[in-house]
């Protein structure tokens, strides 16, 4: 791994703001970002990613590579929760194993945003269709996790149907925002789109830094809740995402030669959802403990990916 690349990532302002959030909570500071502001920034980030992706997709001719990339994304999002479920159910309840598997098979939009920022620093471009791939990868992991719970858990008449779970996955606010923005960016007039470019591009990194400040505070507050589960979940939250990111970084050459696209695939495979999946699990798996899968994804996997993971995956797609 390039040491200079690792140092560059560790001194990235967005990561430093994440660390500041952790420090603020540990010091019991009264630093606080209003919840409505956090929600607005989260929606803005999803809007910006989706709109810019749609614009890039509009200027890219449709190709078999795009089709293969979307299919590869669906495969990743279905395969990862399938095999991680069997690892998890050895130590966790069926409900918890299914929820954690769904979280690690699904994707983190915030990690994706951080990956986009990382590529910009490296001056590497990626295809707009990767935004569509990210959006498509949310639902399959949730569906696979639910299927595994239904298969291995005692039947429960009160359990929602698979159809309602699928509908909830696609109408989840974060998914709808990024998909809707992608479509709008795709059909929008180029000259009109340039008129809002200062809003979609110029202030992006500043909003990302503030959002990660909040994520750091949330991470520190929730981390203590999952210590009761022991070292197994911590080891899983460190090693499994790194493994997922590495094998996808290497396998992605089968569908694309683009360094940027392969890196995005790797970070999507390595990330874990702490927005869409928890929302879905409240509906389908009320017995699953959010004090387990949210801190795993946000408190362990997220910082591992943005410190060690990104330079590692980037090195693999360049030289692997």
C-alpha atoms as a PDB file:
ATOM      1  CA  UNK A   1       0.000   0.000   0.000  1.00  0.00           C
ATOM      2  CA  UNK A   2       1.272   3.487  -0.871  1.00  0.00           C
ATOM      3  CA  UNK A   3       2.171   5.131   2.473  1.00  0.00           C
ATOM      4  CA  UNK A   4       1.771   8.591   0.950  1.00  0.00           C
ATOM      5  CA  UNK A   5      -1.771   7.688  -0.143  1.00  0.00           C
ATOM      6  CA  UNK A   6      -2.638   6.502   3.370  1.00  0.00           C
ATOM      7  CA  UNK A   7      -1.240   9.689   4.939  1.00  0.00           C
ATOM      8  CA  UNK A   8      -3.163  11.793   2.420  1.00  0.00           C
ATOM      9  CA  UNK A   9      -6.400  10.037   3.316  1.00  0.00           C
ATOM     10  CA  UNK A  10      -5.784  10.337   7.064  1.00  0.00           C
ATOM     11  CA  UNK A  11      -5.264  14.097   6.723  1.00  0.00           C
ATOM     12  CA  UNK A  12      -8.353  14.602   4.568  1.00  0.00           C
ATOM     13  CA  UNK A  13     -10.425  17.405   6.184  1.00  0.00           C
ATOM     14  CA  UNK A  14     -13.643  15.356   5.995  1.00  0.00           C
ATOM     15  CA  UNK A  15     -12.055  12.514   7.978  1.00  0.00           C
ATOM     16  CA  UNK A  16     -10.599  14.966  10.483  1.00  0.00           C
ATOM     17  CA  UNK A  17     -14.065  16.415  11.080  1.00  0.00           C
ATOM     18  CA  UNK A  18     -15.320  12.861  11.711  1.00  0.00           C
ATOM     19  CA  UNK A  19     -12.577  12.443  14.341  1.00  0.00           C
ATOM     20  CA  UNK A  20     -13.507  15.830  15.834  1.00  0.00           C
ATOM     21  CA  UNK A  21     -17.062  14.570  16.324  1.00  0.00           C
ATOM     22  CA  UNK A  22     -15.774  11.537  18.229  1.00  0.00           C
ATOM     23  CA  UNK A  23     -13.509  13.704  20.389  1.00  0.00           C
ATOM     24  CA  UNK A  24     -16.339  16.148  21.121  1.00  0.00           C
ATOM     25  CA  UNK A  25     -18.546  13.350  22.440  1.00  0.00           C
ATOM     26  CA  UNK A  26     -15.762  11.753  24.484  1.00  0.00           C
ATOM     27  CA  UNK A  27     -15.066  15.138  26.081  1.00  0.00           C
ATOM     28  CA  UNK A  28     -18.807  15.526  26.795  1.00  0.00           C
ATOM     29  CA  UNK A  29     -18.881  18.775  24.830  1.00  0.00           C
ATOM     30  CA  UNK A  30     -22.199  20.534  24.237  1.00  0.00           C
ATOM     31  CA  UNK A  31     -21.392  20.699  20.501  1.00  0.00           C
ATOM     32  CA  UNK A  32     -24.568  19.745  18.652  1.00  0.00           C
ATOM     33  CA  UNK A  33     -25.919  19.951  15.119  1.00  0.00           C
ATOM     34  CA  UNK A  34     -29.734  20.305  14.997  1.00  0.00           C
ATOM     35  CA  UNK A  35     -31.444  17.113  13.709  1.00  0.00           C
ATOM     36  CA  UNK A  36     -33.305  19.056  11.013  1.00  0.00           C
ATOM     37  CA  UNK A  37     -29.992  20.416   9.722  1.00  0.00           C
ATOM     38  CA  UNK A  38     -28.469  16.931   9.638  1.00  0.00           C
ATOM     39  CA  UNK A  39     -31.455  15.600   7.707  1.00  0.00           C
ATOM     40  CA  UNK A  40     -31.210  18.459   5.214  1.00  0.00           C
ATOM     41  CA  UNK A  41     -27.482  17.868   4.658  1.00  0.00           C
ATOM     42  CA  UNK A  42     -28.046  14.105   4.201  1.00  0.00           C
ATOM     43  CA  UNK A  43     -30.725  14.802   1.577  1.00  0.00           C
ATOM     44  CA  UNK A  44     -28.483  17.372  -0.108  1.00  0.00           C
ATOM     45  CA  UNK A  45     -25.588  14.892  -0.383  1.00  0.00           C
ATOM     46  CA  UNK A  46     -27.852  12.239  -1.924  1.00  0.00           C
ATOM     47  CA  UNK A  47     -29.366  14.828  -4.271  1.00  0.00           C
ATOM     48  CA  UNK A  48     -25.947  16.061  -5.390  1.00  0.00           C
ATOM     49  CA  UNK A  49     -24.597  12.554  -6.024  1.00  0.00           C
ATOM     50  CA  UNK A  50     -27.697  11.474  -7.908  1.00  0.00           C
ATOM     51  CA  UNK A  51     -27.957  14.625 -10.036  1.00  0.00           C
ATOM     52  CA  UNK A  52     -24.279  14.648 -11.006  1.00  0.00           C
ATOM     53  CA  UNK A  53     -24.451  10.933 -11.772  1.00  0.00           C
ATOM     54  CA  UNK A  54     -27.481  11.487 -13.988  1.00  0.00           C
ATOM     55  CA  UNK A  55     -25.684  14.283 -15.861  1.00  0.00           C
ATOM     56  CA  UNK A  56     -22.643  12.067 -16.425  1.00  0.00           C
ATOM     57  CA  UNK A  57     -24.853   9.199 -17.527  1.00  0.00           C
ATOM     58  CA  UNK A  58     -26.655  11.501 -19.991  1.00  0.00           C
ATOM     59  CA  UNK A  59     -23.331  12.284 -21.660  1.00  0.00           C
ATOM     60  CA  UNK A  60     -22.186   8.646 -21.724  1.00  0.00           C
ATOM     61  CA  UNK A  61     -23.334   6.388 -24.563  1.00  0.00           C
ATOM     62  CA  UNK A  62     -25.124   3.264 -23.313  1.00  0.00           C
ATOM     63  CA  UNK A  63     -22.866   0.227 -23.548  1.00  0.00           C
ATOM     64  CA  UNK A  64     -22.658  -3.417 -22.545  1.00  0.00           C
ATOM     65  CA  UNK A  65     -20.196  -2.338 -19.844  1.00  0.00           C
ATOM     66  CA  UNK A  66     -22.945  -0.332 -18.143  1.00  0.00           C
ATOM     67  CA  UNK A  67     -25.307  -3.304 -18.342  1.00  0.00           C
ATOM     68  CA  UNK A  68     -22.669  -5.691 -16.966  1.00  0.00           C
ATOM     69  CA  UNK A  69     -21.807  -3.215 -14.200  1.00  0.00           C
ATOM     70  CA  UNK A  70     -25.408  -2.968 -13.018  1.00  0.00           C
ATOM     71  CA  UNK A  71     -25.717  -6.776 -13.069  1.00  0.00           C
ATOM     72  CA  UNK A  72     -22.441  -7.086 -11.131  1.00  0.00           C
ATOM     73  CA  UNK A  73     -23.727  -4.660  -8.503  1.00  0.00           C
ATOM     74  CA  UNK A  74     -26.900  -6.727  -8.057  1.00  0.00           C
ATOM     75  CA  UNK A  75     -24.804  -9.888  -7.728  1.00  0.00           C
ATOM     76  CA  UNK A  76     -22.586  -8.344  -5.036  1.00  0.00           C
ATOM     77  CA  UNK A  77     -25.578  -7.090  -3.057  1.00  0.00           C
ATOM     78  CA  UNK A  78     -27.189 -10.554  -3.141  1.00  0.00           C
ATOM     79  CA  UNK A  79     -24.116 -12.743  -2.602  1.00  0.00           C
ATOM     80  CA  UNK A  80     -22.522 -10.909   0.354  1.00  0.00           C
ATOM     81  CA  UNK A  81     -25.551 -11.117   2.705  1.00  0.00           C
ATOM     82  CA  UNK A  82     -26.007 -14.775   1.747  1.00  0.00           C
ATOM     83  CA  UNK A  83     -22.605 -16.004   2.932  1.00  0.00           C
ATOM     84  CA  UNK A  84     -22.225 -13.546   5.807  1.00  0.00           C
ATOM     85  CA  UNK A  85     -25.522 -14.765   7.276  1.00  0.00           C
ATOM     86  CA  UNK A  86     -24.057 -18.238   7.834  1.00  0.00           C
ATOM     87  CA  UNK A  87     -20.980 -16.764   9.529  1.00  0.00           C
ATOM     88  CA  UNK A  88     -23.122 -14.609  11.813  1.00  0.00           C
ATOM     89  CA  UNK A  89     -25.732 -17.175  12.822  1.00  0.00           C
ATOM     90  CA  UNK A  90     -23.051 -19.261  14.521  1.00  0.00           C
ATOM     91  CA  UNK A  91     -22.846 -16.621  17.271  1.00  0.00           C
ATOM     92  CA  UNK A  92     -25.964 -14.457  16.908  1.00  0.00           C
ATOM     93  CA  UNK A  93     -29.713 -15.047  16.888  1.00  0.00           C
ATOM     94  CA  UNK A  94     -31.384 -15.578  13.503  1.00  0.00           C
ATOM     95  CA  UNK A  95     -32.966 -12.105  13.589  1.00  0.00           C
ATOM     96  CA  UNK A  96     -29.696 -10.386  14.478  1.00  0.00           C
ATOM     97  CA  UNK A  97     -27.753 -12.449  11.920  1.00  0.00           C
ATOM     98  CA  UNK A  98     -30.236 -11.557   9.177  1.00  0.00           C
ATOM     99  CA  UNK A  99     -30.217  -7.852  10.043  1.00  0.00           C
ATOM    100  CA  UNK A 100     -26.414  -7.624  10.209  1.00  0.00           C
ATOM    101  CA  UNK A 101     -26.057  -9.616   6.962  1.00  0.00           C
ATOM    102  CA  UNK A 102     -28.511  -7.251   5.254  1.00  0.00           C
ATOM    103  CA  UNK A 103     -26.588  -4.230   6.548  1.00  0.00           C
ATOM    104  CA  UNK A 104     -23.276  -5.549   5.217  1.00  0.00           C
ATOM    105  CA  UNK A 105     -24.755  -6.622   1.906  1.00  0.00           C
ATOM    106  CA  UNK A 106     -26.398  -3.242   1.397  1.00  0.00           C
ATOM    107  CA  UNK A 107     -24.453  -0.022   0.851  1.00  0.00           C
ATOM    108  CA  UNK A 108     -23.640   3.149   2.740  1.00  0.00           C
ATOM    109  CA  UNK A 109     -24.427   6.317   0.800  1.00  0.00           C
ATOM    110  CA  UNK A 110     -22.152   8.309   3.117  1.00  0.00           C
ATOM    111  CA  UNK A 111     -19.228   5.951   2.433  1.00  0.00           C
ATOM    112  CA  UNK A 112     -19.984   6.347  -1.270  1.00  0.00           C
ATOM    113  CA  UNK A 113     -19.857  10.143  -0.854  1.00  0.00           C
ATOM    114  CA  UNK A 114     -16.506   9.832   0.918  1.00  0.00           C
ATOM    115  CA  UNK A 115     -15.233   7.589  -1.896  1.00  0.00           C
ATOM    116  CA  UNK A 116     -16.260  10.192  -4.489  1.00  0.00           C
ATOM    117  CA  UNK A 117     -14.325  12.816  -2.519  1.00  0.00           C
ATOM    118  CA  UNK A 118     -11.316  10.459  -2.363  1.00  0.00           C
ATOM    119  CA  UNK A 119     -11.356   9.987  -6.150  1.00  0.00           C
ATOM    120  CA  UNK A 120     -11.553  13.741  -6.693  1.00  0.00           C
ATOM    121  CA  UNK A 121      -8.393  14.185  -4.626  1.00  0.00           C
ATOM    122  CA  UNK A 122      -6.694  11.493  -6.740  1.00  0.00           C
ATOM    123  CA  UNK A 123      -8.061  13.181  -9.899  1.00  0.00           C
ATOM    124  CA  UNK A 124      -9.688   9.928 -11.014  1.00  0.00           C
ATOM    125  CA  UNK A 125     -13.096   9.927 -12.697  1.00  0.00           C
ATOM    126  CA  UNK A 126     -15.861   7.324 -12.528  1.00  0.00           C
ATOM    127  CA  UNK A 127     -18.955   6.601 -14.610  1.00  0.00           C
ATOM    128  CA  UNK A 128     -22.297   8.176 -13.787  1.00  0.00           C
ATOM    129  CA  UNK A 129     -23.906   4.738 -13.993  1.00  0.00           C
ATOM    130  CA  UNK A 130     -22.148   3.839 -10.723  1.00  0.00           C
ATOM    131  CA  UNK A 131     -24.684   6.048  -8.930  1.00  0.00           C
ATOM    132  CA  UNK A 132     -27.424   3.876 -10.435  1.00  0.00           C
ATOM    133  CA  UNK A 133     -25.505   0.766  -9.328  1.00  0.00           C
ATOM    134  CA  UNK A 134     -25.384   2.109  -5.758  1.00  0.00           C
ATOM    135  CA  UNK A 135     -29.128   2.762  -5.746  1.00  0.00           C
ATOM    136  CA  UNK A 136     -29.889  -0.703  -7.106  1.00  0.00           C
ATOM    137  CA  UNK A 137     -27.714  -2.357  -4.436  1.00  0.00           C
ATOM    138  CA  UNK A 138     -29.828  -1.144  -1.502  1.00  0.00           C
ATOM    139  CA  UNK A 139     -32.819  -3.459  -1.887  1.00  0.00           C
ATOM    140  CA  UNK A 140     -31.381  -6.916  -2.835  1.00  0.00           C
ATOM    141  CA  UNK A 141     -29.401  -7.224   0.393  1.00  0.00           C
ATOM    142  CA  UNK A 142     -32.481  -6.430   2.478  1.00  0.00           C
ATOM    143  CA  UNK A 143     -34.509  -8.997   0.541  1.00  0.00           C
ATOM    144  CA  UNK A 144     -31.840 -11.704   0.959  1.00  0.00           C
ATOM    145  CA  UNK A 145     -31.567 -10.975   4.687  1.00  0.00           C
ATOM    146  CA  UNK A 146     -35.345 -11.287   5.067  1.00  0.00           C
ATOM    147  CA  UNK A 147     -35.435 -14.532   3.068  1.00  0.00           C
ATOM    148  CA  UNK A 148     -32.727 -16.038   5.291  1.00  0.00           C
ATOM    149  CA  UNK A 149     -34.657 -15.018   8.433  1.00  0.00           C
ATOM    150  CA  UNK A 150     -37.872 -16.509   7.037  1.00  0.00           C
ATOM    151  CA  UNK A 151     -36.042 -19.697   6.105  1.00  0.00           C
ATOM    152  CA  UNK A 152     -34.332 -20.311   9.458  1.00  0.00           C
ATOM    153  CA  UNK A 153     -36.648 -18.701  11.980  1.00  0.00           C
ATOM    154  CA  UNK A 154     -39.924 -20.127  13.264  1.00  0.00           C
ATOM    155  CA  UNK A 155     -42.890 -18.869  11.188  1.00  0.00           C
ATOM    156  CA  UNK A 156     -44.523 -15.728  12.523  1.00  0.00           C
ATOM    157  CA  UNK A 157     -47.985 -14.802  11.224  1.00  0.00           C
ATOM    158  CA  UNK A 158     -47.369 -11.160  12.098  1.00  0.00           C
ATOM    159  CA  UNK A 159     -44.272 -10.965   9.903  1.00  0.00           C
ATOM    160  CA  UNK A 160     -44.716  -8.613   6.913  1.00  0.00           C
ATOM    161  CA  UNK A 161     -44.839 -10.122   3.440  1.00  0.00           C
ATOM    162  CA  UNK A 162     -41.782 -10.103   1.224  1.00  0.00           C
ATOM    163  CA  UNK A 163     -43.664  -7.827  -1.181  1.00  0.00           C
ATOM    164  CA  UNK A 164     -44.127  -5.137   1.461  1.00  0.00           C
ATOM    165  CA  UNK A 165     -40.421  -5.360   2.335  1.00  0.00           C
ATOM    166  CA  UNK A 166     -39.456  -4.885  -1.330  1.00  0.00           C
ATOM    167  CA  UNK A 167     -41.794  -1.896  -1.618  1.00  0.00           C
ATOM    168  CA  UNK A 168     -40.397  -0.355   1.564  1.00  0.00           C
ATOM    169  CA  UNK A 169     -36.835  -0.841   0.286  1.00  0.00           C
ATOM    170  CA  UNK A 170     -37.492   1.060  -2.931  1.00  0.00           C
ATOM    171  CA  UNK A 171     -39.585   3.818  -1.339  1.00  0.00           C
ATOM    172  CA  UNK A 172     -37.077   4.456   1.452  1.00  0.00           C
ATOM    173  CA  UNK A 173     -36.290   8.173   1.487  1.00  0.00           C
ATOM    174  CA  UNK A 174     -32.553   7.835   0.790  1.00  0.00           C
ATOM    175  CA  UNK A 175     -33.102   5.435  -2.111  1.00  0.00           C
ATOM    176  CA  UNK A 176     -35.910   7.539  -3.588  1.00  0.00           C
ATOM    177  CA  UNK A 177     -33.851  10.737  -3.359  1.00  0.00           C
ATOM    178  CA  UNK A 178     -30.775   9.341  -5.087  1.00  0.00           C
ATOM    179  CA  UNK A 179     -32.790   7.511  -7.783  1.00  0.00           C
ATOM    180  CA  UNK A 180     -35.072  10.503  -8.376  1.00  0.00           C
ATOM    181  CA  UNK A 181     -32.120  12.889  -8.613  1.00  0.00           C
ATOM    182  CA  UNK A 182     -30.392  10.495 -11.013  1.00  0.00           C
ATOM    183  CA  UNK A 183     -33.430  10.497 -13.316  1.00  0.00           C
ATOM    184  CA  UNK A 184     -33.744  14.302 -13.130  1.00  0.00           C
ATOM    185  CA  UNK A 185     -30.053  14.721 -13.916  1.00  0.00           C
ATOM    186  CA  UNK A 186     -30.455  12.324 -16.828  1.00  0.00           C
ATOM    187  CA  UNK A 187     -33.316  14.216 -18.489  1.00  0.00           C
ATOM    188  CA  UNK A 188     -32.398  17.794 -17.471  1.00  0.00           C
ATOM    189  CA  UNK A 189     -31.240  20.283 -20.083  1.00  0.00           C
ATOM    190  CA  UNK A 190     -27.456  20.699 -19.866  1.00  0.00           C
ATOM    191  CA  UNK A 191     -27.503  24.511 -19.897  1.00  0.00           C
ATOM    192  CA  UNK A 192     -30.195  24.606 -17.210  1.00  0.00           C
ATOM    193  CA  UNK A 193     -28.238  22.072 -15.133  1.00  0.00           C
ATOM    194  CA  UNK A 194     -25.139  24.265 -15.306  1.00  0.00           C
ATOM    195  CA  UNK A 195     -27.177  26.983 -13.586  1.00  0.00           C
ATOM    196  CA  UNK A 196     -27.290  24.986 -10.335  1.00  0.00           C
ATOM    197  CA  UNK A 197     -23.722  23.659 -10.605  1.00  0.00           C
ATOM    198  CA  UNK A 198     -22.464  25.923  -7.770  1.00  0.00           C
ATOM    199  CA  UNK A 199     -25.021  24.251  -5.491  1.00  0.00           C
ATOM    200  CA  UNK A 200     -24.456  20.673  -6.678  1.00  0.00           C
ATOM    201  CA  UNK A 201     -20.647  20.832  -6.830  1.00  0.00           C
ATOM    202  CA  UNK A 202     -18.899  23.795  -5.199  1.00  0.00           C
ATOM    203  CA  UNK A 203     -20.307  23.434  -1.666  1.00  0.00           C
ATOM    204  CA  UNK A 204     -20.389  19.628  -1.679  1.00  0.00           C
ATOM    205  CA  UNK A 205     -17.227  19.009   0.366  1.00  0.00           C
ATOM    206  CA  UNK A 206     -18.158  21.588   2.990  1.00  0.00           C
ATOM    207  CA  UNK A 207     -21.517  19.943   3.631  1.00  0.00           C
ATOM    208  CA  UNK A 208     -19.808  16.532   3.679  1.00  0.00           C
ATOM    209  CA  UNK A 209     -17.412  17.727   6.405  1.00  0.00           C
ATOM    210  CA  UNK A 210     -20.282  18.965   8.607  1.00  0.00           C
ATOM    211  CA  UNK A 211     -22.215  15.743   8.050  1.00  0.00           C
ATOM    212  CA  UNK A 212     -19.208  13.622   9.047  1.00  0.00           C
ATOM    213  CA  UNK A 213     -18.786  15.757  12.165  1.00  0.00           C
ATOM    214  CA  UNK A 214     -22.290  14.635  13.158  1.00  0.00           C
ATOM    215  CA  UNK A 215     -21.493  11.027  12.188  1.00  0.00           C
ATOM    216  CA  UNK A 216     -18.487  11.109  14.509  1.00  0.00           C
ATOM    217  CA  UNK A 217     -20.660  12.231  17.426  1.00  0.00           C
ATOM    218  CA  UNK A 218     -23.283   9.560  16.662  1.00  0.00           C
ATOM    219  CA  UNK A 219     -20.565   6.897  16.428  1.00  0.00           C
ATOM    220  CA  UNK A 220     -19.123   7.736  19.834  1.00  0.00           C
ATOM    221  CA  UNK A 221     -22.576   7.771  21.458  1.00  0.00           C
ATOM    222  CA  UNK A 222     -23.624   4.381  20.086  1.00  0.00           C
ATOM    223  CA  UNK A 223     -20.356   2.503  20.359  1.00  0.00           C
ATOM    224  CA  UNK A 224     -20.748   1.588  24.024  1.00  0.00           C
ATOM    225  CA  UNK A 225     -24.088  -0.121  23.383  1.00  0.00           C
ATOM    226  CA  UNK A 226     -22.642  -2.992  21.386  1.00  0.00           C
ATOM    227  CA  UNK A 227     -19.679  -3.889  23.593  1.00  0.00           C
ATOM    228  CA  UNK A 228     -21.879  -6.460  25.330  1.00  0.00           C
ATOM    229  CA  UNK A 229     -21.724  -8.640  22.199  1.00  0.00           C
ATOM    230  CA  UNK A 230     -18.025  -9.330  22.672  1.00  0.00           C
ATOM    231  CA  UNK A 231     -15.063  -9.410  20.323  1.00  0.00           C
ATOM    232  CA  UNK A 232     -16.736 -11.532  17.605  1.00  0.00           C
ATOM    233  CA  UNK A 233     -18.811  -8.668  16.206  1.00  0.00           C
ATOM    234  CA  UNK A 234     -15.848  -6.267  16.325  1.00  0.00           C
ATOM    235  CA  UNK A 235     -13.608  -8.696  14.444  1.00  0.00           C
ATOM    236  CA  UNK A 236     -16.406  -9.305  11.927  1.00  0.00           C
ATOM    237  CA  UNK A 237     -16.967  -5.554  11.428  1.00  0.00           C
ATOM    238  CA  UNK A 238     -13.249  -5.088  10.676  1.00  0.00           C
ATOM    239  CA  UNK A 239     -12.258  -8.156   8.655  1.00  0.00           C
ATOM    240  CA  UNK A 240     -15.356  -9.026   6.611  1.00  0.00           C
ATOM    241  CA  UNK A 241     -15.727  -5.582   4.970  1.00  0.00           C
ATOM    242  CA  UNK A 242     -12.008  -5.536   4.120  1.00  0.00           C
ATOM    243  CA  UNK A 243     -12.342  -9.018   2.621  1.00  0.00           C
ATOM    244  CA  UNK A 244     -15.438  -7.989   0.649  1.00  0.00           C
ATOM    245  CA  UNK A 245     -13.737  -4.859  -0.664  1.00  0.00           C
ATOM    246  CA  UNK A 246     -10.594  -6.748  -1.689  1.00  0.00           C
ATOM    247  CA  UNK A 247     -12.257  -9.576  -3.603  1.00  0.00           C
ATOM    248  CA  UNK A 248     -14.605  -7.186  -5.381  1.00  0.00           C
ATOM    249  CA  UNK A 249     -11.693  -4.862  -6.247  1.00  0.00           C
ATOM    250  CA  UNK A 250      -9.979  -7.809  -7.933  1.00  0.00           C
ATOM    251  CA  UNK A 251     -13.098  -9.375  -9.501  1.00  0.00           C
ATOM    252  CA  UNK A 252     -14.405  -6.088 -10.900  1.00  0.00           C
ATOM    253  CA  UNK A 253     -11.903  -6.218 -13.769  1.00  0.00           C
ATOM    254  CA  UNK A 254     -14.272  -8.767 -15.320  1.00  0.00           C
ATOM    255  CA  UNK A 255     -16.853  -6.027 -15.997  1.00  0.00           C
ATOM    256  CA  UNK A 256     -14.806  -2.821 -16.347  1.00  0.00           C
ATOM    257  CA  UNK A 257     -11.250  -1.577 -16.807  1.00  0.00           C
ATOM    258  CA  UNK A 258     -11.980   1.826 -15.250  1.00  0.00           C
ATOM    259  CA  UNK A 259      -9.950   2.385 -12.079  1.00  0.00           C
ATOM    260  CA  UNK A 260     -12.614   4.755 -10.725  1.00  0.00           C
ATOM    261  CA  UNK A 261     -15.488   2.339 -11.363  1.00  0.00           C
ATOM    262  CA  UNK A 262     -13.599  -0.601  -9.858  1.00  0.00           C
ATOM    263  CA  UNK A 263     -12.779   1.464  -6.767  1.00  0.00           C
ATOM    264  CA  UNK A 264     -16.436   2.439  -6.364  1.00  0.00           C
ATOM    265  CA  UNK A 265     -17.469  -1.225  -6.641  1.00  0.00           C
ATOM    266  CA  UNK A 266     -14.945  -2.149  -3.943  1.00  0.00           C
ATOM    267  CA  UNK A 267     -16.094   0.540  -1.513  1.00  0.00           C
ATOM    268  CA  UNK A 268     -19.765  -0.325  -2.081  1.00  0.00           C
ATOM    269  CA  UNK A 269     -19.031  -3.991  -1.332  1.00  0.00           C
ATOM    270  CA  UNK A 270     -17.042  -3.067   1.779  1.00  0.00           C
ATOM    271  CA  UNK A 271     -19.557  -0.571   3.160  1.00  0.00           C
ATOM    272  CA  UNK A 272     -22.465  -1.312   5.460  1.00  0.00           C
ATOM    273  CA  UNK A 273     -25.826   0.437   5.543  1.00  0.00           C
ATOM    274  CA  UNK A 274     -26.890   2.290   8.694  1.00  0.00           C
ATOM    275  CA  UNK A 275     -29.786   4.251   7.165  1.00  0.00           C
ATOM    276  CA  UNK A 276     -31.861   2.163   4.737  1.00  0.00           C
ATOM    277  CA  UNK A 277     -31.402  -1.227   6.430  1.00  0.00           C
ATOM    278  CA  UNK A 278     -32.277  -0.077   9.978  1.00  0.00           C
ATOM    279  CA  UNK A 279     -35.429   1.553   8.576  1.00  0.00           C
ATOM    280  CA  UNK A 280     -36.403  -1.699   6.855  1.00  0.00           C
ATOM    281  CA  UNK A 281     -35.500  -3.896   9.842  1.00  0.00           C
ATOM    282  CA  UNK A 282     -37.857  -1.931  12.079  1.00  0.00           C
ATOM    283  CA  UNK A 283     -40.620  -3.228   9.826  1.00  0.00           C
ATOM    284  CA  UNK A 284     -39.556  -6.801   9.174  1.00  0.00           C
ATOM    285  CA  UNK A 285     -37.339  -7.803  12.120  1.00  0.00           C
ATOM    286  CA  UNK A 286     -38.419  -5.980  15.281  1.00  0.00           C
ATOM    287  CA  UNK A 287     -36.555  -8.580  17.375  1.00  0.00           C
ATOM    288  CA  UNK A 288     -33.223  -7.623  15.771  1.00  0.00           C
ATOM    289  CA  UNK A 289     -31.197  -5.300  17.987  1.00  0.00           C
ATOM    290  CA  UNK A 290     -30.346  -1.941  16.320  1.00  0.00           C
ATOM    291  CA  UNK A 291     -27.830  -1.469  19.139  1.00  0.00           C
ATOM    292  CA  UNK A 292     -25.840  -4.183  17.387  1.00  0.00           C
ATOM    293  CA  UNK A 293     -25.923  -3.588  13.644  1.00  0.00           C
ATOM    294  CA  UNK A 294     -25.913   0.232  13.654  1.00  0.00           C
ATOM    295  CA  UNK A 295     -22.752   0.593  15.827  1.00  0.00           C
ATOM    296  CA  UNK A 296     -21.062  -2.216  13.849  1.00  0.00           C
ATOM    297  CA  UNK A 297     -21.660  -0.370  10.574  1.00  0.00           C
ATOM    298  CA  UNK A 298     -21.149   3.178  11.812  1.00  0.00           C
ATOM    299  CA  UNK A 299     -18.732   2.771  14.714  1.00  0.00           C
ATOM    300  CA  UNK A 300     -16.333   0.175  13.289  1.00  0.00           C
ATOM    301  CA  UNK A 301     -16.746  -0.473   9.558  1.00  0.00           C
ATOM    302  CA  UNK A 302     -17.180   3.141   8.435  1.00  0.00           C
ATOM    303  CA  UNK A 303     -13.954   4.484  10.012  1.00  0.00           C
ATOM    304  CA  UNK A 304     -12.035   1.350   8.926  1.00  0.00           C
ATOM    305  CA  UNK A 305     -13.110   1.921   5.325  1.00  0.00           C
ATOM    306  CA  UNK A 306     -12.225   5.601   5.179  1.00  0.00           C
ATOM    307  CA  UNK A 307      -8.826   5.165   6.875  1.00  0.00           C
ATOM    308  CA  UNK A 308      -7.419   1.782   5.803  1.00  0.00           C
ATOM    309  CA  UNK A 309      -9.921   0.488   3.257  1.00  0.00           C
ATOM    310  CA  UNK A 310      -9.869   3.234   0.636  1.00  0.00           C
ATOM    311  CA  UNK A 311      -6.086   3.309   0.119  1.00  0.00           C
ATOM    312  CA  UNK A 312      -6.058  -0.507   0.103  1.00  0.00           C
ATOM    313  CA  UNK A 313      -8.824  -0.884  -2.493  1.00  0.00           C
ATOM    314  CA  UNK A 314      -7.343   1.901  -4.619  1.00  0.00           C
ATOM    315  CA  UNK A 315      -3.962   0.141  -4.654  1.00  0.00           C
ATOM    316  CA  UNK A 316      -5.616  -3.158  -5.608  1.00  0.00           C
ATOM    317  CA  UNK A 317      -7.570  -1.722  -8.542  1.00  0.00           C
ATOM    318  CA  UNK A 318      -4.439   0.021  -9.806  1.00  0.00           C
ATOM    319  CA  UNK A 319      -2.039  -2.899  -9.539  1.00  0.00           C
ATOM    320  CA  UNK A 320      -4.264  -5.959  -9.003  1.00  0.00           C
END
